[in-house]
Protein backbone atom coordinates (compact mmCIF):
# COMPACT_ATOMS: atom_id res chain seq x y z
CA UNK A 1 77.46 125.84 -99.57
CA UNK A 2 76.01 122.35 -99.99
CA UNK A 3 78.76 120.92 -102.21
CA UNK A 4 81.70 121.30 -100.03
CA UNK A 5 85.31 122.12 -100.82
CA UNK A 6 87.48 122.10 -103.96
CA UNK A 7 89.92 119.82 -102.13
CA UNK A 8 87.25 117.19 -101.74
CA UNK A 9 86.38 117.37 -105.41
CA UNK A 10 89.99 117.46 -106.66
CA UNK A 11 92.24 115.40 -104.41
CA UNK A 12 91.79 111.60 -104.06
CA UNK A 13 93.22 111.67 -100.50
CA UNK A 14 92.48 111.26 -96.86
CA UNK A 15 93.33 113.87 -94.42
CA UNK A 16 94.69 113.09 -90.85
CA UNK A 17 94.64 115.62 -88.14
CA UNK A 18 97.53 115.56 -85.71
CA UNK A 19 96.70 117.10 -82.46
CA UNK A 20 97.65 119.39 -80.70
CA UNK A 21 99.94 120.73 -83.61
CA UNK A 22 97.03 120.81 -86.02
CA UNK A 23 98.97 119.73 -89.16
CA UNK A 24 97.27 118.36 -92.14
CA UNK A 25 98.99 115.25 -93.50
CA UNK A 26 98.03 114.29 -97.04
CA UNK A 27 98.08 110.65 -97.69
CA UNK A 28 97.73 110.73 -101.48
CA UNK A 29 97.54 107.13 -102.55
CA UNK A 30 96.79 105.68 -106.01
CA UNK A 31 93.59 103.59 -105.96
CA UNK A 32 91.92 101.30 -108.33
CA UNK A 33 88.50 102.63 -109.42
CA UNK A 34 86.54 100.00 -107.61
CA UNK A 35 88.30 101.13 -104.22
CA UNK A 36 87.86 104.71 -105.09
CA UNK A 37 84.07 104.27 -105.82
CA UNK A 38 83.76 102.44 -102.45
CA UNK A 39 85.50 105.19 -100.69
CA UNK A 40 84.01 108.23 -102.37
CA UNK A 41 80.80 106.95 -104.00
CA UNK A 42 80.55 107.50 -107.72
CA UNK A 43 82.93 110.55 -107.67
CA UNK A 44 84.40 111.54 -111.09
CA UNK A 45 87.46 113.53 -111.70
CA UNK A 46 86.78 117.32 -112.16
CA UNK A 47 86.31 118.08 -115.90
CA UNK A 48 88.80 120.23 -117.34
CA UNK A 49 86.29 123.00 -118.25
CA UNK A 50 85.25 123.04 -114.61
CA UNK A 51 88.88 123.44 -113.53
CA UNK A 52 89.27 126.45 -115.88
CA UNK A 53 85.93 127.86 -114.36
CA UNK A 54 87.21 127.51 -110.87
CA UNK A 55 90.42 129.47 -111.66
CA UNK A 56 88.48 132.18 -113.44
CA UNK A 57 85.75 132.60 -110.62
CA UNK A 58 88.61 132.74 -107.94
CA UNK A 59 90.57 135.27 -110.03
CA UNK A 60 87.34 137.47 -110.29
CA UNK A 61 86.69 137.09 -106.55
CA UNK A 62 90.25 138.21 -105.63
CA UNK A 63 90.01 141.14 -108.21
CA UNK A 64 86.73 142.19 -106.36
CA UNK A 65 88.26 142.01 -102.90
CA UNK A 66 91.10 144.08 -104.31
CA UNK A 67 88.77 146.70 -105.71
CA UNK A 68 87.11 147.03 -102.33
CA UNK A 69 90.46 147.43 -100.57
CA UNK A 70 90.60 143.95 -99.29
CA UNK A 71 93.61 142.62 -101.31
CA UNK A 72 95.02 140.48 -98.42
CA UNK A 73 93.83 136.90 -98.02
CA UNK A 74 94.74 134.52 -95.44
CA UNK A 75 96.43 131.20 -96.72
CA UNK A 76 94.58 130.74 -100.11
CA UNK A 77 94.23 126.98 -100.66
CA UNK A 78 91.75 124.38 -102.03
CA UNK A 79 89.96 124.27 -98.66
CA UNK A 80 89.01 128.01 -98.92
CA UNK A 81 87.01 127.30 -102.17
CA UNK A 82 83.52 126.23 -101.71
CA UNK A 83 80.69 125.21 -104.12
CA UNK A 84 77.16 126.60 -103.85
CA UNK A 85 73.77 124.89 -104.57
CA UNK A 86 74.32 125.57 -108.32
CA UNK A 87 77.91 124.04 -108.29
CA UNK A 88 79.55 127.40 -108.73
CA UNK A 89 82.93 127.91 -107.09
CA UNK A 90 82.97 130.62 -104.25
CA UNK A 91 85.83 132.13 -102.29
CA UNK A 92 85.30 131.61 -98.60
CA UNK A 93 85.22 134.80 -96.56
CA UNK A 94 87.28 133.16 -93.95
CA UNK A 95 90.56 134.14 -95.48
CA UNK A 96 90.09 137.90 -95.62
CA UNK A 97 92.51 139.38 -93.12
CA UNK A 98 94.64 142.33 -92.11
CA UNK A 99 98.50 142.23 -92.57
CA UNK A 100 100.01 140.35 -89.60
CA UNK A 101 103.36 139.76 -88.17
CA UNK A 102 102.14 137.10 -85.83
CA UNK A 103 103.80 134.16 -87.77
CA UNK A 104 100.44 132.44 -88.07
CA UNK A 105 99.22 133.80 -91.54
CA UNK A 106 100.12 130.74 -93.33
CA UNK A 107 99.14 127.36 -91.89
CA UNK A 108 100.26 125.19 -94.81
CA UNK A 109 103.60 123.36 -95.32
CA UNK A 110 106.40 125.84 -95.68
CA UNK A 111 106.98 124.46 -99.20
CA UNK A 112 103.76 126.24 -100.24
CA UNK A 113 104.34 129.49 -98.51
CA UNK A 114 105.43 132.73 -100.43
CA UNK A 115 109.02 133.16 -100.11
CA UNK A 116 108.71 136.93 -98.94
CA UNK A 117 106.58 135.72 -96.19
CA UNK A 118 109.29 133.54 -94.86
CA UNK A 119 111.67 136.42 -95.10
CA UNK A 120 109.55 139.19 -93.53
CA UNK A 121 106.55 137.56 -91.87
CA UNK A 122 104.22 139.86 -93.78
CA UNK A 123 101.43 139.09 -96.17
CA UNK A 124 101.19 141.28 -99.23
CA UNK A 125 98.92 141.22 -102.28
CA UNK A 126 101.68 139.52 -104.22
CA UNK A 127 101.69 136.90 -101.60
CA UNK A 128 98.04 136.23 -102.37
CA UNK A 129 98.95 135.87 -106.15
CA UNK A 130 101.64 133.48 -105.24
CA UNK A 131 99.19 131.25 -103.35
CA UNK A 132 96.66 131.55 -106.40
CA UNK A 133 99.71 129.99 -108.45
CA UNK A 134 99.64 127.02 -106.08
CA UNK A 135 96.03 126.72 -106.55
CA UNK A 136 96.57 126.67 -110.37
CA UNK A 137 99.06 123.74 -109.88
CA UNK A 138 96.41 121.92 -107.81
CA UNK A 139 93.77 122.36 -110.72
CA UNK A 140 96.35 121.20 -113.25
CA UNK A 141 97.60 118.19 -111.50
CA UNK A 142 94.81 117.06 -109.16
CA UNK A 143 97.53 116.85 -106.30
CA UNK A 144 99.19 119.35 -103.92
CA UNK A 145 102.45 119.69 -105.69
CA UNK A 146 105.31 121.71 -104.13
CA UNK A 147 105.89 124.94 -106.30
CA UNK A 148 109.60 124.19 -106.46
CA UNK A 149 109.07 120.85 -108.04
CA UNK A 150 106.45 122.05 -110.42
CA UNK A 151 108.72 124.95 -111.58
CA UNK A 152 111.55 122.41 -112.21
CA UNK A 153 109.15 120.57 -114.48
CA UNK A 154 108.09 123.91 -116.20
CA UNK A 155 111.78 124.93 -116.81
CA UNK A 156 112.40 121.66 -118.35
CA UNK A 157 109.34 121.96 -120.61
CA UNK A 158 107.83 118.94 -118.94
CA UNK A 159 104.61 120.52 -118.34
CA UNK A 160 102.68 117.45 -119.38
CA UNK A 161 104.00 115.63 -116.42
CA UNK A 162 102.03 118.18 -114.33
CA UNK A 163 98.71 117.23 -115.79
CA UNK A 164 96.17 115.07 -113.88
CA UNK A 165 96.31 111.53 -115.34
CA UNK A 166 92.52 111.34 -114.23
CA UNK A 167 91.89 113.66 -117.10
CA UNK A 168 93.01 110.85 -119.50
CA UNK A 169 94.03 113.52 -122.13
CA UNK A 170 90.66 115.26 -122.20
CA UNK A 171 92.01 118.88 -122.05
CA UNK A 172 93.26 121.27 -124.51
CA UNK A 173 97.17 121.40 -124.97
CA UNK A 174 96.89 125.17 -125.74
CA UNK A 175 94.79 125.90 -122.68
CA UNK A 176 97.08 123.72 -120.60
CA UNK A 177 100.17 125.61 -121.80
CA UNK A 178 98.55 128.94 -120.97
CA UNK A 179 97.55 127.74 -117.53
CA UNK A 180 100.99 126.56 -116.77
CA UNK A 181 102.54 129.77 -118.03
CA UNK A 182 100.18 131.78 -115.86
CA UNK A 183 101.08 129.59 -112.81
CA UNK A 184 104.80 130.15 -113.46
CA UNK A 185 104.29 133.84 -113.50
CA UNK A 186 102.28 133.73 -110.21
CA UNK A 187 105.07 131.64 -108.61
CA UNK A 188 108.04 133.96 -109.39
CA UNK A 189 110.49 134.50 -106.52
CA UNK A 190 110.40 138.13 -106.80
CA UNK A 191 106.92 139.60 -105.75
CA UNK A 192 107.15 142.43 -108.39
CA UNK A 193 107.32 139.99 -111.23
CA UNK A 194 103.89 138.50 -110.42
CA UNK A 195 100.75 139.61 -112.09
CA UNK A 196 98.01 141.43 -110.18
CA UNK A 197 94.42 140.08 -109.72
CA UNK A 198 93.15 142.08 -112.68
CA UNK A 199 95.72 140.58 -115.01
CA UNK A 200 94.59 137.09 -113.74
CA UNK A 201 91.00 137.82 -114.81
CA UNK A 202 92.16 138.91 -118.19
CA UNK A 203 94.50 136.08 -118.83
CA UNK A 204 91.91 133.40 -117.82
CA UNK A 205 88.72 134.92 -119.47
CA UNK A 206 89.72 133.58 -123.04
CA UNK A 207 90.07 130.05 -121.64
CA UNK A 208 86.41 129.71 -120.61
CA UNK A 209 85.05 127.71 -123.55
CA UNK A 210 81.93 125.98 -122.10
CA UNK A 211 80.27 129.12 -120.44
CA UNK A 212 76.80 127.96 -121.48
CA UNK A 213 77.12 124.68 -119.49
CA UNK A 214 75.86 125.13 -115.99
CA UNK A 215 78.38 124.37 -113.21
CA UNK A 216 76.17 121.56 -111.73
CA UNK A 217 76.36 119.74 -115.08
CA UNK A 218 80.15 120.00 -115.33
CA UNK A 219 80.40 118.86 -111.77
CA UNK A 220 78.05 115.91 -112.31
CA UNK A 221 76.03 116.84 -109.20
CA UNK A 222 72.27 116.64 -108.84
CA UNK A 223 70.48 119.87 -109.03
CA UNK A 224 66.83 120.57 -108.03
CA UNK A 225 65.51 122.81 -110.71
CA UNK A 226 62.37 123.70 -108.80
CA UNK A 227 61.29 123.96 -105.23
CA UNK A 228 58.22 124.84 -103.36
CA UNK A 229 59.62 128.24 -102.81
CA UNK A 230 60.44 129.03 -106.40
CA UNK A 231 56.93 127.90 -107.60
CA UNK A 232 55.11 129.80 -104.89
CA UNK A 233 53.37 133.10 -105.75
CA UNK A 234 55.39 136.16 -104.48
CA UNK A 235 53.48 138.87 -102.37
CA UNK A 236 53.23 142.29 -103.98
CA UNK A 237 56.27 143.34 -102.03
CA UNK A 238 58.26 140.25 -103.07
CA UNK A 239 57.10 140.90 -106.76
CA UNK A 240 58.04 144.54 -106.59
CA UNK A 241 61.55 143.73 -105.13
CA UNK A 242 61.97 141.07 -107.86
CA UNK A 243 61.56 143.68 -110.58
CA UNK A 244 63.45 146.44 -108.37
CA UNK A 245 60.35 148.52 -108.86
CA UNK A 246 61.39 151.05 -106.31
CA UNK A 247 58.30 153.23 -106.76
CA UNK A 248 56.06 150.19 -105.99
CA UNK A 249 58.23 149.21 -103.06
CA UNK A 250 57.86 152.74 -101.56
CA UNK A 251 54.02 152.72 -101.87
CA UNK A 252 53.81 149.22 -100.33
CA UNK A 253 56.13 150.12 -97.35
CA UNK A 254 54.16 153.38 -96.90
CA UNK A 255 50.88 151.43 -96.63
CA UNK A 256 52.44 148.86 -94.36
CA UNK A 257 53.32 151.42 -91.77
CA UNK A 258 54.76 150.08 -88.50
CA UNK A 259 52.57 147.04 -87.91
CA UNK A 260 55.48 144.64 -88.48
CA UNK A 261 57.22 146.25 -85.54
CA UNK A 262 54.78 144.71 -83.09
CA UNK A 263 56.41 142.41 -80.71
CA UNK A 264 59.94 143.91 -81.24
CA UNK A 265 61.39 144.30 -77.59
CA UNK A 266 62.25 147.98 -76.56
CA UNK A 267 63.00 148.08 -72.92
CA UNK A 268 62.90 151.74 -71.90
CA UNK A 269 63.39 153.10 -68.46
CA UNK A 270 61.33 155.98 -67.10
CA UNK A 271 64.38 158.18 -67.32
CA UNK A 272 64.82 157.40 -71.00
CA UNK A 273 61.15 158.34 -71.56
CA UNK A 274 61.60 161.71 -69.91
CA UNK A 275 64.96 162.68 -71.15
CA UNK A 276 65.92 160.85 -74.40
CA UNK A 277 63.09 159.28 -76.05
CA UNK A 278 61.38 162.38 -77.21
CA UNK A 279 64.13 163.61 -79.51
CA UNK A 280 64.61 160.02 -80.78
CA UNK A 281 60.98 159.89 -81.72
CA UNK A 282 61.18 163.26 -83.32
CA UNK A 283 63.95 162.02 -85.61
CA UNK A 284 61.63 159.06 -86.57
CA UNK A 285 58.77 161.45 -87.26
CA UNK A 286 60.90 163.67 -89.46
CA UNK A 287 62.10 160.62 -91.35
CA UNK A 288 58.54 159.43 -91.89
CA UNK A 289 57.38 162.84 -93.08
CA UNK A 290 60.35 162.91 -95.61
CA UNK A 291 59.75 159.25 -96.64
CA UNK A 292 56.03 160.11 -97.45
CA UNK A 293 57.07 163.27 -99.40
CA UNK A 294 59.89 161.15 -101.20
CA UNK A 295 62.55 163.42 -99.99
CA UNK A 296 64.83 160.34 -99.64
CA UNK A 297 68.09 162.16 -98.61
CA UNK A 298 66.41 164.01 -95.72
CA UNK A 299 64.72 160.66 -94.75
CA UNK A 300 68.15 159.07 -94.62
CA UNK A 301 69.60 161.77 -92.24
CA UNK A 302 66.45 161.66 -90.05
CA UNK A 303 66.25 157.88 -89.83
CA UNK A 304 70.03 157.76 -89.13
CA UNK A 305 69.59 160.16 -86.20
CA UNK A 306 66.81 157.87 -84.85
CA UNK A 307 69.01 154.71 -85.32
CA UNK A 308 72.04 156.28 -83.86
CA UNK A 309 70.13 157.34 -80.78
CA UNK A 310 70.19 153.76 -79.71
CA UNK A 311 67.11 153.97 -77.43
CA UNK A 312 64.76 151.98 -79.68
CA UNK A 313 65.10 149.56 -82.39
CA UNK A 314 62.65 149.24 -85.50
CA UNK A 315 63.10 146.90 -88.37
CA UNK A 316 60.74 149.16 -90.26
CA UNK A 317 63.04 152.09 -89.98
CA UNK A 318 65.92 150.01 -91.38
CA UNK A 319 63.67 148.87 -94.18
CA UNK A 320 62.52 152.40 -95.12
CA UNK A 321 66.27 153.64 -94.88
CA UNK A 322 67.20 150.71 -97.16
CA UNK A 323 64.74 151.93 -99.81
CA UNK A 324 65.97 155.45 -99.40
CA UNK A 325 69.55 154.20 -100.07
CA UNK A 326 68.29 152.51 -103.15
CA UNK A 327 66.67 155.51 -104.40
CA UNK A 328 69.99 157.33 -103.91
CA UNK A 329 71.83 154.58 -105.79
CA UNK A 330 73.49 153.27 -102.81
CA UNK A 331 73.00 149.55 -103.06
CA UNK A 332 75.66 148.26 -100.65
CA UNK A 333 74.32 150.63 -97.87
CA UNK A 334 70.78 149.35 -98.66
CA UNK A 335 71.92 145.71 -98.37
CA UNK A 336 73.29 146.47 -95.02
CA UNK A 337 70.12 147.97 -93.80
CA UNK A 338 67.96 145.11 -94.99
CA UNK A 339 70.29 142.71 -93.25
CA UNK A 340 70.01 144.69 -90.00
CA UNK A 341 66.17 144.48 -90.24
CA UNK A 342 66.53 140.72 -90.65
CA UNK A 343 68.73 140.57 -87.42
CA UNK A 344 66.00 142.31 -85.52
CA UNK A 345 63.11 140.36 -87.06
CA UNK A 346 64.66 137.00 -88.50
CA UNK A 347 61.14 135.92 -89.70
CA UNK A 348 60.19 139.06 -91.50
CA UNK A 349 59.74 138.28 -95.26
CA UNK A 350 60.20 142.01 -96.09
CA UNK A 351 63.86 141.96 -94.91
CA UNK A 352 64.47 139.14 -97.31
CA UNK A 353 62.76 140.78 -100.16
CA UNK A 354 64.50 144.11 -99.65
CA UNK A 355 67.92 142.25 -99.49
CA UNK A 356 66.94 140.67 -102.81
CA UNK A 357 66.29 144.16 -104.36
CA UNK A 358 69.69 145.33 -103.18
CA UNK A 359 71.46 142.27 -104.46
CA UNK A 360 69.79 142.57 -107.85
CA UNK A 361 71.12 146.29 -107.92
CA UNK A 362 74.65 145.02 -107.17
CA UNK A 363 74.42 142.54 -110.11
CA UNK A 364 74.26 139.43 -107.86
CA UNK A 365 71.23 137.90 -109.45
CA UNK A 366 71.56 134.42 -108.26
CA UNK A 367 71.96 135.40 -104.67
CA UNK A 368 68.93 137.70 -105.08
CA UNK A 369 66.80 134.98 -106.46
CA UNK A 370 67.79 132.61 -103.63
CA UNK A 371 66.98 135.56 -101.04
CA UNK A 372 63.54 135.92 -102.79
CA UNK A 373 62.93 132.19 -102.23
CA UNK A 374 63.80 132.57 -98.66
CA UNK A 375 61.35 135.42 -98.16
CA UNK A 376 58.63 133.41 -100.03
CA UNK A 377 59.09 130.52 -97.65
CA UNK A 378 58.60 132.67 -94.57
CA UNK A 379 55.57 134.17 -96.22
CA UNK A 380 54.09 130.66 -96.81
CA UNK A 381 54.94 129.76 -93.21
CA UNK A 382 53.11 132.95 -91.84
CA UNK A 383 49.90 132.03 -93.87
CA UNK A 384 50.09 128.41 -92.46
CA UNK A 385 50.21 129.74 -88.98
């Protein structure tokens, strides 16, 4: 995430850390443009269209987490939002959490904490929506405004007082009104009166007016359109994974055999050889036979038996089971196996290519292309060596 956090792009402030209490003190001070440029370079205020995009992407991320049974998020704030190499906003995984009564689930000032958390000490999905409302206020104002103060302005129909003066009026009044209305709904005192994550996505989708403009352009950040990895020629396996041509991937993996397992440490005692290893190896043999015969469900079962045996490790087995999962339309499981292969052999390009194939199947095309580049770089490094 090379372009840092939303807080850095949104707030013109300095952060002091008071130890050992670990409290963030925001000294938001008005500055002349010359002083601002000296302190932050040529930083420009975040454009209105980009603020709307941040809100939309975050709503999508929360909706995705909810759909996967991870609706709780720890202390959602502008420090949890990161920007990738293309300038797209991403929700940090650090905030995913289990419900907690430890009193430490919210580290921000109490003025920004969901009211029900102060009463019960428990985080709920509605608490996350409340915190999303505080983020909407951040995007509107360019400051960290306490919700109570913002709600007073909204009730008094002074919502223009909320708007970031750095925008200099370059925003749509209608869009601003909608965003204020949504923030007000998110900040309702009673949790049941707040929208859910899916409703946030539906409300924010119509506000996305410049979808054809890349995020790095809206963010006014440099962006390398080409790299040595992107211009290099992919190997046959990399090319097959880029097309998610599963038949071609199967043929290539079959021809590769287990030569890439050479050098993988497998420390086995004599007792293991005599009592356990034979059955483990039989599981791999059954998996290989099923893989060769394209009986992918049987191959999954046999390779799982080998892996669960725990006496040997093989990146090739994980790679083969990864493809079997893809053949059975199980891309999430396939991605997990490709990542396990990378853990065992960090410099193995095939592990990256297979991750890319799984990511394409999951609809994560940008991440898949970046992973293809990583695999291509490793292939180039191997050729040089």
